[in-house]
PDB file of N, CA and C in Angstrom:
ATOM      1  N   MET A   1      86.993  98.847 162.998  1.00  0.00           N
ATOM      2  CA  MET A   1      87.547  98.988 162.585  1.00  0.00           C
ATOM      3  C   MET A   1      88.260 100.891 162.286  1.00  0.00           C
ATOM      4  N   PRO A   2      87.853 102.190 163.076  1.00  0.00           N
ATOM      5  CA  PRO A   2      88.003 103.120 162.792  1.00  0.00           C
ATOM      6  C   PRO A   2      89.160 103.165 161.789  1.00  0.00           C
ATOM      7  N   VAL A   3      89.655 104.130 160.465  1.00  0.00           N
ATOM      8  CA  VAL A   3      90.507 104.402 159.871  1.00  0.00           C
ATOM      9  C   VAL A   3      91.189 105.992 160.552  1.00  0.00           C
ATOM     10  N   SER A   4      92.762 105.457 160.772  1.00  0.00           N
ATOM     11  CA  SER A   4      93.277 106.673 160.849  1.00  0.00           C
ATOM     12  C   SER A   4      93.932 107.633 159.941  1.00  0.00           C
ATOM     13  N   VAL A   5      93.899 109.019 160.300  1.00  0.00           N
ATOM     14  CA  VAL A   5      93.556 109.783 158.806  1.00  0.00           C
ATOM     15  C   VAL A   5      95.430 109.328 159.043  1.00  0.00           C
ATOM     16  N   GLU A   6      96.301 109.319 160.351  1.00  0.00           N
ATOM     17  CA  GLU A   6      98.088 109.438 160.557  1.00  0.00           C
ATOM     18  C   GLU A   6      98.046 108.497 159.850  1.00  0.00           C
ATOM     19  N   LYS A   7      98.001 107.527 160.067  1.00  0.00           N
ATOM     20  CA  LYS A   7      98.049 105.769 158.583  1.00  0.00           C
ATOM     21  C   LYS A   7      98.077 105.932 157.365  1.00  0.00           C
ATOM     22  N   VAL A   8      97.163 106.509 157.030  1.00  0.00           N
ATOM     23  CA  VAL A   8      96.929 106.463 155.778  1.00  0.00           C
ATOM     24  C   VAL A   8      97.465 107.951 155.420  1.00  0.00           C
ATOM     25  N   ALA A   9      97.711 108.921 156.422  1.00  0.00           N
ATOM     26  CA  ALA A   9      99.064 110.234 155.970  1.00  0.00           C
ATOM     27  C   ALA A   9     100.378 109.424 155.469  1.00  0.00           C
ATOM     28  N   LYS A  10     100.557 108.529 156.670  1.00  0.00           N
ATOM     29  CA  LYS A  10     101.938 108.346 155.916  1.00  0.00           C
ATOM     30  C   LYS A  10     102.419 106.855 155.333  1.00  0.00           C
ATOM     31  N   ALA A  11     100.790 107.078 155.176  1.00  0.00           N
ATOM     32  CA  ALA A  11     101.193 105.926 153.541  1.00  0.00           C
ATOM     33  C   ALA A  11     101.312 106.516 152.324  1.00  0.00           C
ATOM     34  N   ALA A  12     100.989 107.266 152.282  1.00  0.00           N
ATOM     35  CA  ALA A  12     100.301 108.273 151.748  1.00  0.00           C
ATOM     36  C   ALA A  12     102.168 109.338 150.955  1.00  0.00           C
ATOM     37  N   ARG A  13     103.593 109.514 152.275  1.00  0.00           N
ATOM     38  CA  ARG A  13     103.740 110.775 152.788  1.00  0.00           C
ATOM     39  C   ARG A  13     103.898 111.549 152.583  1.00  0.00           C
ATOM     40  N   LEU A  14     102.200 112.025 153.140  1.00  0.00           N
ATOM     41  CA  LEU A  14     101.954 113.327 153.760  1.00  0.00           C
ATOM     42  C   LEU A  14     102.643 113.934 154.965  1.00  0.00           C
ATOM     43  N   ASN A  15     102.820 115.406 155.310  1.00  0.00           N
ATOM     44  CA  ASN A  15     102.792 116.469 156.426  1.00  0.00           C
ATOM     45  C   ASN A  15     101.337 116.684 156.608  1.00  0.00           C
ATOM     46  N   LEU A  16     101.164 116.317 156.959  1.00  0.00           N
ATOM     47  CA  LEU A  16      99.780 117.085 157.675  1.00  0.00           C
ATOM     48  C   LEU A  16      99.228 118.409 159.186  1.00  0.00           C
ATOM     49  N   THR A  17      98.726 119.345 159.115  1.00  0.00           N
ATOM     50  CA  THR A  17      99.253 119.972 160.256  1.00  0.00           C
ATOM     51  C   THR A  17      98.097 119.288 161.186  1.00  0.00           C
ATOM     52  N   PRO A  18      97.434 118.943 162.157  1.00  0.00           N
ATOM     53  CA  PRO A  18      96.801 119.436 163.620  1.00  0.00           C
ATOM     54  C   PRO A  18      95.233 119.127 162.945  1.00  0.00           C
ATOM     55  N   ASP A  19      95.266 120.648 162.269  1.00  0.00           N
ATOM     56  CA  ASP A  19      93.716 121.205 162.132  1.00  0.00           C
ATOM     57  C   ASP A  19      93.267 120.695 160.767  1.00  0.00           C
ATOM     58  N   GLU A  20      94.265 119.943 159.976  1.00  0.00           N
ATOM     59  CA  GLU A  20      93.779 119.101 158.478  1.00  0.00           C
ATOM     60  C   GLU A  20      93.934 117.648 158.894  1.00  0.00           C
ATOM     61  N   LYS A  21      94.651 116.800 160.018  1.00  0.00           N
ATOM     62  CA  LYS A  21      94.128 115.542 160.532  1.00  0.00           C
ATOM     63  C   LYS A  21      93.374 116.064 161.384  1.00  0.00           C
ATOM     64  N   LYS A  22      92.430 116.666 161.995  1.00  0.00           N
ATOM     65  CA  LYS A  22      91.187 116.406 162.486  1.00  0.00           C
ATOM     66  C   LYS A  22      90.507 116.861 161.074  1.00  0.00           C
ATOM     67  N   ARG A  23      90.154 117.835 160.250  1.00  0.00           N
ATOM     68  CA  ARG A  23      89.136 117.911 159.146  1.00  0.00           C
ATOM     69  C   ARG A  23      88.547 116.134 158.300  1.00  0.00           C
ATOM     70  N   PHE A  24      90.282 115.359 158.058  1.00  0.00           N
ATOM     71  CA  PHE A  24      90.111 115.153 156.957  1.00  0.00           C
ATOM     72  C   PHE A  24      90.017 113.469 157.553  1.00  0.00           C
ATOM     73  N   GLN A  25      89.928 114.161 159.401  1.00  0.00           N
ATOM     74  CA  GLN A  25      89.637 112.235 160.085  1.00  0.00           C
ATOM     75  C   GLN A  25      87.593 112.511 160.173  1.00  0.00           C
ATOM     76  N   LYS A  26      87.002 113.404 160.353  1.00  0.00           N
ATOM     77  CA  LYS A  26      85.866 113.557 159.836  1.00  0.00           C
ATOM     78  C   LYS A  26      85.186 112.951 158.927  1.00  0.00           C
ATOM     79  N   ASP A  27      85.974 112.929 157.703  1.00  0.00           N
ATOM     80  CA  ASP A  27      86.011 112.945 156.049  1.00  0.00           C
ATOM     81  C   ASP A  27      85.620 111.571 156.567  1.00  0.00           C
ATOM     82  N   MET A  28      86.625 110.925 156.361  1.00  0.00           N
ATOM     83  CA  MET A  28      87.473 109.418 156.592  1.00  0.00           C
ATOM     84  C   MET A  28      86.564 108.286 157.049  1.00  0.00           C
ATOM     85  N   ASP A  29      85.882 109.363 158.398  1.00  0.00           N
ATOM     86  CA  ASP A  29      84.631 108.828 159.530  1.00  0.00           C
ATOM     87  C   ASP A  29      83.684 108.214 158.498  1.00  0.00           C
ATOM     88  N   SER A  30      82.844 109.414 157.842  1.00  0.00           N
ATOM     89  CA  SER A  30      82.208 110.131 157.539  1.00  0.00           C
ATOM     90  C   SER A  30      81.785 108.323 155.926  1.00  0.00           C
ATOM     91  N   ILE A  31      83.111 108.478 155.344  1.00  0.00           N
ATOM     92  CA  ILE A  31      83.457 107.642 153.869  1.00  0.00           C
ATOM     93  C   ILE A  31      83.818 106.209 154.841  1.00  0.00           C
ATOM     94  N   VAL A  32      84.067 105.749 155.296  1.00  0.00           N
ATOM     95  CA  VAL A  32      83.893 104.201 156.041  1.00  0.00           C
ATOM     96  C   VAL A  32      82.116 104.470 156.987  1.00  0.00           C
ATOM     97  N   GLU A  33      81.847 104.557 157.094  1.00  0.00           N
ATOM     98  CA  GLU A  33      80.075 104.915 157.439  1.00  0.00           C
ATOM     99  C   GLU A  33      79.568 104.297 157.001  1.00  0.00           C
ATOM    100  N   ALA A  34      79.830 105.405 155.335  1.00  0.00           N
ATOM    101  CA  ALA A  34      78.567 105.902 154.328  1.00  0.00           C
ATOM    102  C   ALA A  34      79.090 103.408 153.341  1.00  0.00           C
ATOM    103  N   PHE A  35      79.977 103.020 153.076  1.00  0.00           N
ATOM    104  CA  PHE A  35      80.632 101.901 152.742  1.00  0.00           C
ATOM    105  C   PHE A  35      80.343 101.250 154.069  1.00  0.00           C
ATOM    106  N   SER A  36      79.658 101.591 155.451  1.00  0.00           N
ATOM    107  CA  SER A  36      80.097 100.175 155.580  1.00  0.00           C
ATOM    108  C   SER A  36      78.381  99.624 155.758  1.00  0.00           C
ATOM    109  N   LEU A  37      77.339 100.579 154.562  1.00  0.00           N
ATOM    110  CA  LEU A  37      76.279 100.368 154.373  1.00  0.00           C
ATOM    111  C   LEU A  37      76.021  98.732 153.933  1.00  0.00           C
ATOM    112  N   LEU A  38      77.051  98.372 152.956  1.00  0.00           N
ATOM    113  CA  LEU A  38      77.029  97.092 151.951  1.00  0.00           C
ATOM    114  C   LEU A  38      77.633  96.342 153.339  1.00  0.00           C
ATOM    115  N   ASP A  39      77.789  95.869 154.316  1.00  0.00           N
ATOM    116  CA  ASP A  39      77.939  94.656 155.214  1.00  0.00           C
ATOM    117  C   ASP A  39      76.521  94.681 155.909  1.00  0.00           C
ATOM    118  N   GLU A  40      75.334  94.934 155.154  1.00  0.00           N
ATOM    119  CA  GLU A  40      73.688  95.040 155.627  1.00  0.00           C
ATOM    120  C   GLU A  40      73.272  94.252 153.876  1.00  0.00           C
ATOM    121  N   VAL A  41      74.253  94.544 152.967  1.00  0.00           N
ATOM    122  CA  VAL A  41      73.266  93.857 151.704  1.00  0.00           C
ATOM    123  C   VAL A  41      73.163  92.017 152.271  1.00  0.00           C
ATOM    124  N   LYS A  42      72.209  91.752 151.461  1.00  0.00           N
ATOM    125  CA  LYS A  42      71.787  90.127 151.533  1.00  0.00           C
ATOM    126  C   LYS A  42      73.184  89.734 150.976  1.00  0.00           C
ATOM    127  N   ALA A  43      73.463  88.104 151.385  1.00  0.00           N
ATOM    128  CA  ALA A  43      74.681  86.687 150.604  1.00  0.00           C
ATOM    129  C   ALA A  43      74.423  86.587 149.560  1.00  0.00           C
ATOM    130  N   ASP A  44      72.685  86.256 149.329  1.00  0.00           N
ATOM    131  CA  ASP A  44      72.642  85.518 148.271  1.00  0.00           C
ATOM    132  C   ASP A  44      72.009  86.472 147.358  1.00  0.00           C
ATOM    133  N   CYS A  45      71.898  87.860 147.040  1.00  0.00           N
ATOM    134  CA  CYS A  45      71.998  88.670 146.026  1.00  0.00           C
ATOM    135  C   CYS A  45      71.844  88.514 144.759  1.00  0.00           C
ATOM    136  N   GLU A  46      71.904  88.758 143.891  1.00  0.00           N
ATOM    137  CA  GLU A  46      72.129  89.197 142.550  1.00  0.00           C
ATOM    138  C   GLU A  46      73.022  90.484 142.137  1.00  0.00           C
ATOM    139  N   PRO A  47      74.163  89.930 142.042  1.00  0.00           N
ATOM    140  CA  PRO A  47      75.300  91.858 141.393  1.00  0.00           C
ATOM    141  C   PRO A  47      74.564  91.671 140.824  1.00  0.00           C
ATOM    142  N   SER A  48      74.477  93.644 140.811  1.00  0.00           N
ATOM    143  CA  SER A  48      74.305  94.459 139.531  1.00  0.00           C
ATOM    144  C   SER A  48      75.074  94.979 139.183  1.00  0.00           C
ATOM    145  N   PHE A  49      75.855  95.084 137.560  1.00  0.00           N
ATOM    146  CA  PHE A  49      76.514  95.377 137.235  1.00  0.00           C
ATOM    147  C   PHE A  49      76.221  96.930 136.507  1.00  0.00           C
ATOM    148  N   GLN A  50      74.763  96.974 136.195  1.00  0.00           N
ATOM    149  CA  GLN A  50      74.525  98.028 134.900  1.00  0.00           C
ATOM    150  C   GLN A  50      73.102  98.977 136.572  1.00  0.00           C
ATOM    151  N   PRO A  51      72.695  99.882 136.953  1.00  0.00           N
ATOM    152  CA  PRO A  51      72.074 100.406 137.621  1.00  0.00           C
ATOM    153  C   PRO A  51      70.722 100.139 136.680  1.00  0.00           C
ATOM    154  N   LEU A  52      70.484 100.038 136.317  1.00  0.00           N
ATOM    155  CA  LEU A  52      69.248 100.166 134.271  1.00  0.00           C
ATOM    156  C   LEU A  52      69.902  98.963 133.867  1.00  0.00           C
ATOM    157  N   PRO A  53      68.425  98.638 133.420  1.00  0.00           N
ATOM    158  CA  PRO A  53      69.361  97.283 132.850  1.00  0.00           C
ATOM    159  C   PRO A  53      69.403  97.518 130.973  1.00  0.00           C
ATOM    160  N   VAL A  54      69.783  97.031 130.778  1.00  0.00           N
ATOM    161  CA  VAL A  54      70.526  97.444 128.983  1.00  0.00           C
ATOM    162  C   VAL A  54      70.078  96.092 128.057  1.00  0.00           C
ATOM    163  N   LYS A  55      69.675  96.819 127.241  1.00  0.00           N
ATOM    164  CA  LYS A  55      68.047  96.240 126.866  1.00  0.00           C
ATOM    165  C   LYS A  55      68.780  97.045 125.071  1.00  0.00           C
ATOM    166  N   GLY A  56      69.103  95.681 123.473  1.00  0.00           N
ATOM    167  CA  GLY A  56      69.019  96.554 123.122  1.00  0.00           C
ATOM    168  C   GLY A  56      70.909  97.556 122.123  1.00  0.00           C
ATOM    169  N   THR A  57      71.449  96.651 122.436  1.00  0.00           N
ATOM    170  CA  THR A  57      72.381  98.116 123.257  1.00  0.00           C
ATOM    171  C   THR A  57      72.890  98.138 121.038  1.00  0.00           C
ATOM    172  N   LEU A  58      72.696  96.635 120.434  1.00  0.00           N
ATOM    173  CA  LEU A  58      73.478  95.858 119.217  1.00  0.00           C
ATOM    174  C   LEU A  58      72.311  96.730 117.972  1.00  0.00           C
ATOM    175  N   ARG A  59      73.197  97.602 117.167  1.00  0.00           N
ATOM    176  CA  ARG A  59      72.614  97.563 115.818  1.00  0.00           C
ATOM    177  C   ARG A  59      71.731  95.587 115.695  1.00  0.00           C
ATOM    178  N   SER A  60      71.789  94.874 113.803  1.00  0.00           N
ATOM    179  CA  SER A  60      71.493  93.907 113.619  1.00  0.00           C
ATOM    180  C   SER A  60      72.632  94.608 112.708  1.00  0.00           C
ATOM    181  N   ASP A  61      73.470  93.223 111.938  1.00  0.00           N
ATOM    182  CA  ASP A  61      74.256  93.012 111.777  1.00  0.00           C
ATOM    183  C   ASP A  61      74.273  92.914 110.064  1.00  0.00           C
ATOM    184  N   SER A  62      73.288  94.396 109.001  1.00  0.00           N
ATOM    185  CA  SER A  62      72.635  93.767 107.740  1.00  0.00           C
ATOM    186  C   SER A  62      73.474  95.079 106.662  1.00  0.00           C
ATOM    187  N   GLU A  63      73.926  93.935 105.262  1.00  0.00           N
ATOM    188  CA  GLU A  63      74.804  94.591 104.537  1.00  0.00           C
ATOM    189  C   GLU A  63      73.487  95.384 103.570  1.00  0.00           C
ATOM    190  N   GLU A  64      74.486  96.622 104.172  1.00  0.00           N
ATOM    191  CA  GLU A  64      74.567  97.736 103.339  1.00  0.00           C
ATOM    192  C   GLU A  64      74.910  98.930 102.415  1.00  0.00           C
ATOM    193  N   LYS A  65      74.481  98.919 101.020  1.00  0.00           N
ATOM    194  CA  LYS A  65      75.979  99.792  99.885  1.00  0.00           C
ATOM    195  C   LYS A  65      76.056 100.858 100.236  1.00  0.00           C
ATOM    196  N   SER A  66      77.562 100.430 100.478  1.00  0.00           N
ATOM    197  CA  SER A  66      78.175 101.591  99.930  1.00  0.00           C
ATOM    198  C   SER A  66      78.922 102.880  99.860  1.00  0.00           C
ATOM    199  N   LEU A  67      79.352 103.285  99.747  1.00  0.00           N
ATOM    200  CA  LEU A  67      80.385 105.193  99.336  1.00  0.00           C
ATOM    201  C   LEU A  67      80.699 104.414  98.045  1.00  0.00           C
ATOM    202  N   SER A  68      80.558 105.045  97.202  1.00  0.00           N
ATOM    203  CA  SER A  68      81.684 104.684  95.975  1.00  0.00           C
ATOM    204  C   SER A  68      83.423 105.179  96.732  1.00  0.00           C
ATOM    205  N   GLN A  69      84.050 105.327  95.576  1.00  0.00           N
ATOM    206  CA  GLN A  69      85.376 105.770  95.472  1.00  0.00           C
ATOM    207  C   GLN A  69      85.355 107.582  95.714  1.00  0.00           C
ATOM    208  N   LYS A  70      84.406 107.894  94.841  1.00  0.00           N
ATOM    209  CA  LYS A  70      84.927 108.711  93.934  1.00  0.00           C
ATOM    210  C   LYS A  70      83.854 110.137  95.233  1.00  0.00           C
ATOM    211  N   ASP A  71      83.264 109.782  95.219  1.00  0.00           N
ATOM    212  CA  ASP A  71      81.930 109.903  97.281  1.00  0.00           C
ATOM    213  C   ASP A  71      82.509 109.844  97.804  1.00  0.00           C
ATOM    214  N   ALA A  72      83.426 109.062  98.615  1.00  0.00           N
ATOM    215  CA  ALA A  72      83.627 109.409  99.880  1.00  0.00           C
ATOM    216  C   ALA A  72      85.152 110.554  99.803  1.00  0.00           C
ATOM    217  N   LEU A  73      85.040 110.962  98.852  1.00  0.00           N
ATOM    218  CA  LEU A  73      86.590 111.831  98.949  1.00  0.00           C
ATOM    219  C   LEU A  73      86.150 112.810  97.938  1.00  0.00           C
ATOM    220  N   ALA A  74      85.290 112.568  98.075  1.00  0.00           N
ATOM    221  CA  ALA A  74      84.196 114.865  97.637  1.00  0.00           C
ATOM    222  C   ALA A  74      84.574 115.293  98.553  1.00  0.00           C
ATOM    223  N   ASN A  75      84.383 115.039  99.995  1.00  0.00           N
ATOM    224  CA  ASN A  75      84.822 117.446 100.648  1.00  0.00           C
ATOM    225  C   ASN A  75      86.466 117.181 100.889  1.00  0.00           C
ATOM    226  N   THR A  76      86.924 115.939 100.477  1.00  0.00           N
ATOM    227  CA  THR A  76      88.228 116.683 101.281  1.00  0.00           C
ATOM    228  C   THR A  76      88.859 117.043 100.218  1.00  0.00           C
ATOM    229  N   LYS A  77      90.240 117.465 100.573  1.00  0.00           N
ATOM    230  CA  LYS A  77      91.215 118.610  99.541  1.00  0.00           C
ATOM    231  C   LYS A  77      92.493 118.024  99.808  1.00  0.00           C
ATOM    232  N   HIS A  78      92.265 116.817 100.730  1.00  0.00           N
ATOM    233  CA  HIS A  78      93.719 116.344 100.702  1.00  0.00           C
ATOM    234  C   HIS A  78      93.100 114.447  99.926  1.00  0.00           C
ATOM    235  N   LYS A  79      94.125 114.599  99.218  1.00  0.00           N
ATOM    236  CA  LYS A  79      93.639 113.183  98.224  1.00  0.00           C
ATOM    237  C   LYS A  79      94.705 112.950  97.580  1.00  0.00           C
ATOM    238  N   GLU A  80      94.879 111.974  96.904  1.00  0.00           N
ATOM    239  CA  GLU A  80      96.160 111.835  96.057  1.00  0.00           C
ATOM    240  C   GLU A  80      95.720 110.373  95.517  1.00  0.00           C
ATOM    241  N   ARG A  81      96.251 110.198  94.201  1.00  0.00           N
ATOM    242  CA  ARG A  81      95.486 108.374  92.929  1.00  0.00           C
ATOM    243  C   ARG A  81      94.591 107.576  93.537  1.00  0.00           C
ATOM    244  N   GLY A  82      94.051 108.614  94.434  1.00  0.00           N
ATOM    245  CA  GLY A  82      92.230 107.756  95.030  1.00  0.00           C
ATOM    246  C   GLY A  82      92.246 107.430  96.490  1.00  0.00           C
ATOM    247  N   TYR A  83      93.213 108.206  96.419  1.00  0.00           N
ATOM    248  CA  TYR A  83      92.744 108.214  98.328  1.00  0.00           C
ATOM    249  C   TYR A  83      93.669 108.783  99.625  1.00  0.00           C
ATOM    250  N   PHE A  84      93.157 109.020 100.491  1.00  0.00           N
ATOM    251  CA  PHE A  84      93.060 109.957 100.921  1.00  0.00           C
ATOM    252  C   PHE A  84      94.508 110.290 101.496  1.00  0.00           C
ATOM    253  N   LYS A  85      94.933 111.429 101.716  1.00  0.00           N
ATOM    254  CA  LYS A  85      96.260 111.448 101.897  1.00  0.00           C
ATOM    255  C   LYS A  85      96.908 112.211 103.206  1.00  0.00           C
ATOM    256  N   GLY A  86      97.347 111.554 103.982  1.00  0.00           N
ATOM    257  CA  GLY A  86      97.493 111.890 105.419  1.00  0.00           C
ATOM    258  C   GLY A  86      98.758 112.237 105.464  1.00  0.00           C
ATOM    259  N   PRO A  87      99.266 112.729 106.557  1.00  0.00           N
ATOM    260  CA  PRO A  87     100.731 113.588 106.738  1.00  0.00           C
ATOM    261  C   PRO A  87     101.931 112.001 106.621  1.00  0.00           C
ATOM    262  N   ARG A  88     103.450 112.278 106.251  1.00  0.00           N
ATOM    263  CA  ARG A  88     104.150 111.813 105.936  1.00  0.00           C
ATOM    264  C   ARG A  88     104.373 111.520 107.740  1.00  0.00           C
ATOM    265  N   ALA A  89     104.328 109.477 107.486  1.00  0.00           N
ATOM    266  CA  ALA A  89     104.950 108.845 109.124  1.00  0.00           C
ATOM    267  C   ALA A  89     106.389 108.025 108.663  1.00  0.00           C
ATOM    268  N   VAL A  90     107.353 108.690 109.516  1.00  0.00           N
ATOM    269  CA  VAL A  90     109.127 108.238 109.458  1.00  0.00           C
ATOM    270  C   VAL A  90     108.794 107.039 109.561  1.00  0.00           C
TER     271      VAL A  90
END
């Protein structure tokens, strides 16, 4: 079923000129044609959520030595009483 540019333009409250309607109709026809390829897909195929298989995206959760408070604050000017000093929040 062809999609009418006029129907879409009316729903979007667009005032199109005849030249624009003609140009957009050609674009819309090519988009609908591209999506019609989905009709050829077999109903029993597995869905694909990623174009490539994703494996090993998570690192192992292991305990590591953390920074000391002194080391964490070493490169900042904005510190006060052993903590980072941020802007006042009201």
